[in-house]
Amino acid sequence: MVPNQTKDALEKKIDCMTNFLGYSVNSLEEFPAYLCYDFERVKLRFRMYIRLREKGAAKRKVSMGTILACSCAICKILCRCPP
């Protein structure tokens, strides 16, 4: 998969993934589609997840795919279990 994005956009997403979100570059092997998501969507979803985690309402570590791709991610995070 080769995303149709500039080198700067890809570097920005990888930097965010490793430095802000705390995932390793190896996480791209598990969820390469991360690079295809709009950066604003990534930021909003992860801000929500981080806030819930800080309040103890979310699992400690959730995969990027669950947070970004799953339509029921919020339910899974809030309930700490699959719906």
PDB file of N, CA and C in Angstrom:
ATOM      1  N   MET A   1       0.848  -1.163   0.000  1.00  0.00           N
ATOM      2  CA  MET A   1       0.000   0.000   0.000  1.00  0.00           C
ATOM      3  C   MET A   1       0.899   1.232   0.000  1.00  0.00           C
ATOM      4  N   VAL A   2       0.643   2.134  -0.940  1.00  0.00           N
ATOM      5  CA  VAL A   2       1.390   3.380  -1.011  1.00  0.00           C
ATOM      6  C   VAL A   2       0.384   4.525  -0.936  1.00  0.00           C
ATOM      7  N   PRO A   3       0.348   5.217   0.185  1.00  0.00           N
ATOM      8  CA  PRO A   3      -0.598   6.322   0.322  1.00  0.00           C
ATOM      9  C   PRO A   3      -0.280   7.450  -0.652  1.00  0.00           C
ATOM     10  N   ASN A   4      -1.313   8.097  -1.151  1.00  0.00           N
ATOM     11  CA  ASN A   4      -1.156   9.210  -2.075  1.00  0.00           C
ATOM     12  C   ASN A   4      -0.993  10.493  -1.268  1.00  0.00           C
ATOM     13  N   GLN A   5       0.178  10.652  -0.641  1.00  0.00           N
ATOM     14  CA  GLN A   5       0.438  11.796   0.219  1.00  0.00           C
ATOM     15  C   GLN A   5       1.872  12.259   0.039  1.00  0.00           C
ATOM     16  N   THR A   6       2.122  13.478   0.449  1.00  0.00           N
ATOM     17  CA  THR A   6       3.477  14.008   0.343  1.00  0.00           C
ATOM     18  C   THR A   6       4.379  13.369   1.402  1.00  0.00           C
ATOM     19  N   LYS A   7       5.654  13.467   1.158  1.00  0.00           N
ATOM     20  CA  LYS A   7       6.634  12.954   2.117  1.00  0.00           C
ATOM     21  C   LYS A   7       6.478  13.669   3.456  1.00  0.00           C
ATOM     22  N   ASP A   8       6.235  14.981   3.423  1.00  0.00           N
ATOM     23  CA  ASP A   8       6.063  15.748   4.664  1.00  0.00           C
ATOM     24  C   ASP A   8       4.857  15.264   5.461  1.00  0.00           C
ATOM     25  N   ALA A   9       3.758  14.972   4.770  1.00  0.00           N
ATOM     26  CA  ALA A   9       2.550  14.498   5.452  1.00  0.00           C
ATOM     27  C   ALA A   9       2.804  13.145   6.112  1.00  0.00           C
ATOM     28  N   LEU A  10       3.503  12.259   5.414  1.00  0.00           N
ATOM     29  CA  LEU A  10       3.814  10.943   5.980  1.00  0.00           C
ATOM     30  C   LEU A  10       4.743  11.073   7.185  1.00  0.00           C
ATOM     31  N   GLU A  11       5.753  11.933   7.070  1.00  0.00           N
ATOM     32  CA  GLU A  11       6.672  12.140   8.195  1.00  0.00           C
ATOM     33  C   GLU A  11       5.943  12.711   9.408  1.00  0.00           C
ATOM     34  N   LYS A  12       5.006  13.616   9.168  1.00  0.00           N
ATOM     35  CA  LYS A  12       4.224  14.213  10.250  1.00  0.00           C
ATOM     36  C   LYS A  12       3.408  13.144  10.972  1.00  0.00           C
ATOM     37  N   LYS A  13       2.801  12.240  10.214  1.00  0.00           N
ATOM     38  CA  LYS A  13       1.996  11.174  10.817  1.00  0.00           C
ATOM     39  C   LYS A  13       2.865  10.197  11.605  1.00  0.00           C
ATOM     40  N   ILE A  14       4.015   9.853  11.064  1.00  0.00           N
ATOM     41  CA  ILE A  14       4.911   8.925  11.759  1.00  0.00           C
ATOM     42  C   ILE A  14       5.469   9.578  13.022  1.00  0.00           C
ATOM     43  N   ASP A  15       5.819  10.855  12.941  1.00  0.00           N
ATOM     44  CA  ASP A  15       6.304  11.576  14.119  1.00  0.00           C
ATOM     45  C   ASP A  15       5.228  11.612  15.204  1.00  0.00           C
ATOM     46  N   CYS A  16       4.014  11.893  14.827  1.00  0.00           N
ATOM     47  CA  CYS A  16       2.903  11.920  15.784  1.00  0.00           C
ATOM     48  C   CYS A  16       2.701  10.540  16.407  1.00  0.00           C
ATOM     49  N   MET A  17       2.747   9.516  15.575  1.00  0.00           N
ATOM     50  CA  MET A  17       2.535   8.145  16.050  1.00  0.00           C
ATOM     51  C   MET A  17       3.580   7.744  17.092  1.00  0.00           C
ATOM     52  N   THR A  18       4.824   8.098  16.853  1.00  0.00           N
ATOM     53  CA  THR A  18       5.891   7.658  17.754  1.00  0.00           C
ATOM     54  C   THR A  18       6.086   8.586  18.947  1.00  0.00           C
ATOM     55  N   ASN A  19       6.037   9.891  18.734  1.00  0.00           N
ATOM     56  CA  ASN A  19       6.349  10.835  19.808  1.00  0.00           C
ATOM     57  C   ASN A  19       5.146  11.249  20.646  1.00  0.00           C
ATOM     58  N   PHE A  20       3.986  11.410  20.033  1.00  0.00           N
ATOM     59  CA  PHE A  20       2.802  11.850  20.768  1.00  0.00           C
ATOM     60  C   PHE A  20       1.951  10.675  21.235  1.00  0.00           C
ATOM     61  N   LEU A  21       1.770   9.698  20.355  1.00  0.00           N
ATOM     62  CA  LEU A  21       0.875   8.585  20.683  1.00  0.00           C
ATOM     63  C   LEU A  21       1.574   7.438  21.396  1.00  0.00           C
ATOM     64  N   GLY A  22       2.897   7.358  21.266  1.00  0.00           N
ATOM     65  CA  GLY A  22       3.652   6.340  21.981  1.00  0.00           C
ATOM     66  C   GLY A  22       3.697   4.974  21.318  1.00  0.00           C
ATOM     67  N   TYR A  23       3.368   4.908  20.035  1.00  0.00           N
ATOM     68  CA  TYR A  23       3.447   3.640  19.311  1.00  0.00           C
ATOM     69  C   TYR A  23       4.791   3.563  18.599  1.00  0.00           C
ATOM     70  N   SER A  24       5.272   2.355  18.370  1.00  0.00           N
ATOM     71  CA  SER A  24       6.533   2.192  17.652  1.00  0.00           C
ATOM     72  C   SER A  24       6.264   2.180  16.151  1.00  0.00           C
ATOM     73  N   VAL A  25       7.315   2.398  15.378  1.00  0.00           N
ATOM     74  CA  VAL A  25       7.196   2.347  13.923  1.00  0.00           C
ATOM     75  C   VAL A  25       6.739   0.955  13.486  1.00  0.00           C
ATOM     76  N   ASN A  26       7.071  -0.061  14.265  1.00  0.00           N
ATOM     77  CA  ASN A  26       6.642  -1.425  13.947  1.00  0.00           C
ATOM     78  C   ASN A  26       5.126  -1.570  13.951  1.00  0.00           C
ATOM     79  N   SER A  27       4.425  -0.654  14.589  1.00  0.00           N
ATOM     80  CA  SER A  27       2.961  -0.698  14.602  1.00  0.00           C
ATOM     81  C   SER A  27       2.390  -0.559  13.197  1.00  0.00           C
ATOM     82  N   LEU A  28       3.162   0.029  12.292  1.00  0.00           N
ATOM     83  CA  LEU A  28       2.698   0.163  10.913  1.00  0.00           C
ATOM     84  C   LEU A  28       2.572  -1.188  10.220  1.00  0.00           C
ATOM     85  N   GLU A  29       3.320  -2.176  10.682  1.00  0.00           N
ATOM     86  CA  GLU A  29       3.184  -3.520  10.121  1.00  0.00           C
ATOM     87  C   GLU A  29       1.816  -4.097  10.452  1.00  0.00           C
ATOM     88  N   GLU A  30       1.325  -3.812  11.650  1.00  0.00           N
ATOM     89  CA  GLU A  30       0.024  -4.308  12.081  1.00  0.00           C
ATOM     90  C   GLU A  30      -1.122  -3.495  11.488  1.00  0.00           C
ATOM     91  N   PHE A  31      -0.920  -2.205  11.301  1.00  0.00           N
ATOM     92  CA  PHE A  31      -1.989  -1.332  10.817  1.00  0.00           C
ATOM     93  C   PHE A  31      -1.428  -0.280   9.854  1.00  0.00           C
ATOM     94  N   PRO A  32      -1.030  -0.703   8.638  1.00  0.00           N
ATOM     95  CA  PRO A  32      -0.465   0.247   7.678  1.00  0.00           C
ATOM     96  C   PRO A  32      -1.475   1.295   7.211  1.00  0.00           C
ATOM     97  N   ALA A  33      -2.759   1.000   7.343  1.00  0.00           N
ATOM     98  CA  ALA A  33      -3.790   1.951   6.924  1.00  0.00           C
ATOM     99  C   ALA A  33      -3.740   3.246   7.727  1.00  0.00           C
ATOM    100  N   TYR A  34      -3.046   3.226   8.871  1.00  0.00           N
ATOM    101  CA  TYR A  34      -2.881   4.448   9.675  1.00  0.00           C
ATOM    102  C   TYR A  34      -2.411   5.603   8.800  1.00  0.00           C
ATOM    103  N   LEU A  35      -1.510   5.327   7.879  1.00  0.00           N
ATOM    104  CA  LEU A  35      -0.947   6.373   7.032  1.00  0.00           C
ATOM    105  C   LEU A  35      -1.967   6.957   6.061  1.00  0.00           C
ATOM    106  N   CYS A  36      -3.065   6.263   5.834  1.00  0.00           N
ATOM    107  CA  CYS A  36      -4.086   6.731   4.901  1.00  0.00           C
ATOM    108  C   CYS A  36      -5.143   7.613   5.557  1.00  0.00           C
ATOM    109  N   TYR A  37      -5.203   7.598   6.871  1.00  0.00           N
ATOM    110  CA  TYR A  37      -6.220   8.384   7.567  1.00  0.00           C
ATOM    111  C   TYR A  37      -5.859   9.861   7.572  1.00  0.00           C
ATOM    112  N   ASP A  38      -6.880  10.696   7.522  1.00  0.00           N
ATOM    113  CA  ASP A  38      -6.719  12.132   7.621  1.00  0.00           C
ATOM    114  C   ASP A  38      -6.092  12.476   8.973  1.00  0.00           C
ATOM    115  N   PHE A  39      -5.121  13.365   8.963  1.00  0.00           N
ATOM    116  CA  PHE A  39      -4.397  13.692  10.188  1.00  0.00           C
ATOM    117  C   PHE A  39      -5.325  14.268  11.257  1.00  0.00           C
ATOM    118  N   GLU A  40      -6.316  15.047  10.859  1.00  0.00           N
ATOM    119  CA  GLU A  40      -7.260  15.605  11.835  1.00  0.00           C
ATOM    120  C   GLU A  40      -8.061  14.501  12.516  1.00  0.00           C
ATOM    121  N   ARG A  41      -8.454  13.481  11.761  1.00  0.00           N
ATOM    122  CA  ARG A  41      -9.178  12.354  12.356  1.00  0.00           C
ATOM    123  C   ARG A  41      -8.294  11.642  13.376  1.00  0.00           C
ATOM    124  N   VAL A  42      -7.042  11.434  13.017  1.00  0.00           N
ATOM    125  CA  VAL A  42      -6.097  10.782  13.925  1.00  0.00           C
ATOM    126  C   VAL A  42      -5.991  11.584  15.222  1.00  0.00           C
ATOM    127  N   LYS A  43      -5.779  12.884  15.102  1.00  0.00           N
ATOM    128  CA  LYS A  43      -5.630  13.722  16.295  1.00  0.00           C
ATOM    129  C   LYS A  43      -6.879  13.691  17.172  1.00  0.00           C
ATOM    130  N   LEU A  44      -8.041  13.832  16.578  1.00  0.00           N
ATOM    131  CA  LEU A  44      -9.281  13.857  17.359  1.00  0.00           C
ATOM    132  C   LEU A  44      -9.541  12.536  18.062  1.00  0.00           C
ATOM    133  N   ARG A  45      -9.389  11.431  17.330  1.00  0.00           N
ATOM    134  CA  ARG A  45      -9.640  10.119  17.937  1.00  0.00           C
ATOM    135  C   ARG A  45      -8.679   9.839  19.089  1.00  0.00           C
ATOM    136  N   PHE A  46      -7.415  10.157  18.895  1.00  0.00           N
ATOM    137  CA  PHE A  46      -6.443   9.866  19.945  1.00  0.00           C
ATOM    138  C   PHE A  46      -6.553  10.828  21.122  1.00  0.00           C
ATOM    139  N   ARG A  47      -6.936  12.061  20.874  1.00  0.00           N
ATOM    140  CA  ARG A  47      -7.175  12.974  22.000  1.00  0.00           C
ATOM    141  C   ARG A  47      -8.304  12.440  22.873  1.00  0.00           C
ATOM    142  N   MET A  48      -9.368  11.949  22.222  1.00  0.00           N
ATOM    143  CA  MET A  48     -10.483  11.377  22.960  1.00  0.00           C
ATOM    144  C   MET A  48     -10.020  10.168  23.764  1.00  0.00           C
ATOM    145  N   TYR A  49      -9.256   9.300  23.134  1.00  0.00           N
ATOM    146  CA  TYR A  49      -8.762   8.100  23.806  1.00  0.00           C
ATOM    147  C   TYR A  49      -7.858   8.462  24.993  1.00  0.00           C
ATOM    148  N   ILE A  50      -6.946   9.398  24.791  1.00  0.00           N
ATOM    149  CA  ILE A  50      -6.024   9.794  25.860  1.00  0.00           C
ATOM    150  C   ILE A  50      -6.790  10.397  27.034  1.00  0.00           C
ATOM    151  N   ARG A  51      -7.773  11.229  26.742  1.00  0.00           N
ATOM    152  CA  ARG A  51      -8.574  11.826  27.820  1.00  0.00           C
ATOM    153  C   ARG A  51      -9.319  10.743  28.603  1.00  0.00           C
ATOM    154  N   LEU A  52      -9.909   9.782  27.904  1.00  0.00           N
ATOM    155  CA  LEU A  52     -10.615   8.693  28.587  1.00  0.00           C
ATOM    156  C   LEU A  52      -9.651   7.848  29.415  1.00  0.00           C
ATOM    157  N   ARG A  53      -8.470   7.602  28.866  1.00  0.00           N
ATOM    158  CA  ARG A  53      -7.468   6.813  29.582  1.00  0.00           C
ATOM    159  C   ARG A  53      -7.021   7.535  30.852  1.00  0.00           C
ATOM    160  N   GLU A  54      -6.816   8.837  30.765  1.00  0.00           N
ATOM    161  CA  GLU A  54      -6.410   9.617  31.938  1.00  0.00           C
ATOM    162  C   GLU A  54      -7.463   9.583  33.037  1.00  0.00           C
ATOM    163  N   LYS A  55      -8.724   9.484  32.652  1.00  0.00           N
ATOM    164  CA  LYS A  55      -9.815   9.439  33.625  1.00  0.00           C
ATOM    165  C   LYS A  55     -10.103   8.017  34.099  1.00  0.00           C
ATOM    166  N   GLY A  56      -9.335   7.045  33.581  1.00  0.00           N
ATOM    167  CA  GLY A  56      -9.518   5.660  33.985  1.00  0.00           C
ATOM    168  C   GLY A  56     -10.690   4.973  33.314  1.00  0.00           C
ATOM    169  N   ALA A  57     -11.228   5.594  32.263  1.00  0.00           N
ATOM    170  CA  ALA A  57     -12.394   5.039  31.582  1.00  0.00           C
ATOM    171  C   ALA A  57     -12.029   4.240  30.338  1.00  0.00           C
ATOM    172  N   ALA A  58     -10.740   4.082  30.063  1.00  0.00           N
ATOM    173  CA  ALA A  58     -10.311   3.356  28.870  1.00  0.00           C
ATOM    174  C   ALA A  58      -9.235   2.352  29.231  1.00  0.00           C
ATOM    175  N   LYS A  59      -9.143   1.325  28.397  1.00  0.00           N
ATOM    176  CA  LYS A  59      -8.068   0.348  28.558  1.00  0.00           C
ATOM    177  C   LYS A  59      -6.733   1.070  28.460  1.00  0.00           C
ATOM    178  N   ARG A  60      -5.735   0.515  29.100  1.00  0.00           N
ATOM    179  CA  ARG A  60      -4.409   1.129  29.128  1.00  0.00           C
ATOM    180  C   ARG A  60      -3.793   1.229  27.734  1.00  0.00           C
ATOM    181  N   LYS A  61      -3.863   0.184  26.937  1.00  0.00           N
ATOM    182  CA  LYS A  61      -3.262   0.198  25.601  1.00  0.00           C
ATOM    183  C   LYS A  61      -4.254  -0.408  24.615  1.00  0.00           C
ATOM    184  N   VAL A  62      -4.635   0.367  23.628  1.00  0.00           N
ATOM    185  CA  VAL A  62      -5.566  -0.069  22.604  1.00  0.00           C
ATOM    186  C   VAL A  62      -4.851   0.066  21.268  1.00  0.00           C
ATOM    187  N   SER A  63      -5.106  -0.849  20.356  1.00  0.00           N
ATOM    188  CA  SER A  63      -4.429  -0.794  19.062  1.00  0.00           C
ATOM    189  C   SER A  63      -4.885   0.424  18.265  1.00  0.00           C
ATOM    190  N   MET A  64      -4.013   0.888  17.391  1.00  0.00           N
ATOM    191  CA  MET A  64      -4.358   2.017  16.532  1.00  0.00           C
ATOM    192  C   MET A  64      -5.566   1.685  15.675  1.00  0.00           C
ATOM    193  N   GLY A  65      -5.626   0.458  15.193  1.00  0.00           N
ATOM    194  CA  GLY A  65      -6.742   0.045  14.349  1.00  0.00           C
ATOM    195  C   GLY A  65      -8.072   0.145  15.063  1.00  0.00           C
ATOM    196  N   THR A  66      -8.096  -0.219  16.327  1.00  0.00           N
ATOM    197  CA  THR A  66      -9.337  -0.132  17.100  1.00  0.00           C
ATOM    198  C   THR A  66      -9.776   1.312  17.239  1.00  0.00           C
ATOM    199  N   ILE A  67      -8.854   2.182  17.537  1.00  0.00           N
ATOM    200  CA  ILE A  67      -9.192   3.586  17.754  1.00  0.00           C
ATOM    201  C   ILE A  67      -9.604   4.278  16.458  1.00  0.00           C
ATOM    202  N   LEU A  68      -8.922   3.985  15.359  1.00  0.00           N
ATOM    203  CA  LEU A  68      -9.184   4.697  14.115  1.00  0.00           C
ATOM    204  C   LEU A  68     -10.233   4.053  13.221  1.00  0.00           C
ATOM    205  N   ALA A  69     -10.218   2.749  13.099  1.00  0.00           N
ATOM    206  CA  ALA A  69     -11.040   2.100  12.089  1.00  0.00           C
ATOM    207  C   ALA A  69     -12.364   1.562  12.593  1.00  0.00           C
ATOM    208  N   CYS A  70     -12.408   1.147  13.813  1.00  0.00           N
ATOM    209  CA  CYS A  70     -13.604   0.493  14.331  1.00  0.00           C
ATOM    210  C   CYS A  70     -14.708   1.512  14.578  1.00  0.00           C
ATOM    211  N   SER A  71     -15.866   1.276  14.007  1.00  0.00           N
ATOM    212  CA  SER A  71     -16.980   2.205  14.196  1.00  0.00           C
ATOM    213  C   SER A  71     -17.510   2.160  15.619  1.00  0.00           C
ATOM    214  N   CYS A  72     -17.232   1.088  16.325  1.00  0.00           N
ATOM    215  CA  CYS A  72     -17.713   0.978  17.703  1.00  0.00           C
ATOM    216  C   CYS A  72     -16.560   1.132  18.694  1.00  0.00           C
ATOM    217  N   ALA A  73     -15.499   1.816  18.281  1.00  0.00           N
ATOM    218  CA  ALA A  73     -14.322   1.981  19.142  1.00  0.00           C
ATOM    219  C   ALA A  73     -14.667   2.686  20.439  1.00  0.00           C
ATOM    220  N   ILE A  74     -15.499   3.694  20.362  1.00  0.00           N
ATOM    221  CA  ILE A  74     -15.846   4.433  21.578  1.00  0.00           C
ATOM    222  C   ILE A  74     -16.527   3.510  22.571  1.00  0.00           C
ATOM    223  N   CYS A  75     -17.426   2.683  22.091  1.00  0.00           N
ATOM    224  CA  CYS A  75     -18.114   1.737  22.973  1.00  0.00           C
ATOM    225  C   CYS A  75     -17.123   0.764  23.590  1.00  0.00           C
ATOM    226  N   LYS A  76     -16.219   0.241  22.799  1.00  0.00           N
ATOM    227  CA  LYS A  76     -15.227  -0.703  23.318  1.00  0.00           C
ATOM    228  C   LYS A  76     -14.350  -0.054  24.382  1.00  0.00           C
ATOM    229  N   ILE A  77     -13.958   1.178  24.133  1.00  0.00           N
ATOM    230  CA  ILE A  77     -13.087   1.874  25.074  1.00  0.00           C
ATOM    231  C   ILE A  77     -13.831   2.188  26.363  1.00  0.00           C
ATOM    232  N   LEU A  78     -15.022   2.731  26.231  1.00  0.00           N
ATOM    233  CA  LEU A  78     -15.781   3.111  27.419  1.00  0.00           C
ATOM    234  C   LEU A  78     -16.164   1.915  28.271  1.00  0.00           C
ATOM    235  N   CYS A  79     -16.581   0.845  27.612  1.00  0.00           N
ATOM    236  CA  CYS A  79     -17.055  -0.329  28.347  1.00  0.00           C
ATOM    237  C   CYS A  79     -15.920  -1.250  28.757  1.00  0.00           C
ATOM    238  N   ARG A  80     -14.738  -1.038  28.186  1.00  0.00           N
ATOM    239  CA  ARG A  80     -13.588  -1.907  28.437  1.00  0.00           C
ATOM    240  C   ARG A  80     -13.847  -3.345  28.016  1.00  0.00           C
ATOM    241  N   CYS A  81     -14.772  -3.535  27.126  1.00  0.00           N
ATOM    242  CA  CYS A  81     -15.066  -4.876  26.616  1.00  0.00           C
ATOM    243  C   CYS A  81     -15.769  -4.730  25.276  1.00  0.00           C
ATOM    244  N   PRO A  82     -15.760  -5.779  24.453  1.00  0.00           N
ATOM    245  CA  PRO A  82     -16.474  -5.701  23.178  1.00  0.00           C
ATOM    246  C   PRO A  82     -17.977  -5.568  23.409  1.00  0.00           C
ATOM    247  N   PRO A  83     -18.681  -4.856  22.524  1.00  0.00           N
ATOM    248  CA  PRO A  83     -20.133  -4.710  22.680  1.00  0.00           C
ATOM    249  C   PRO A  83     -20.861  -6.017  22.471  1.00  0.00           C
TER     250      PRO A  83
END
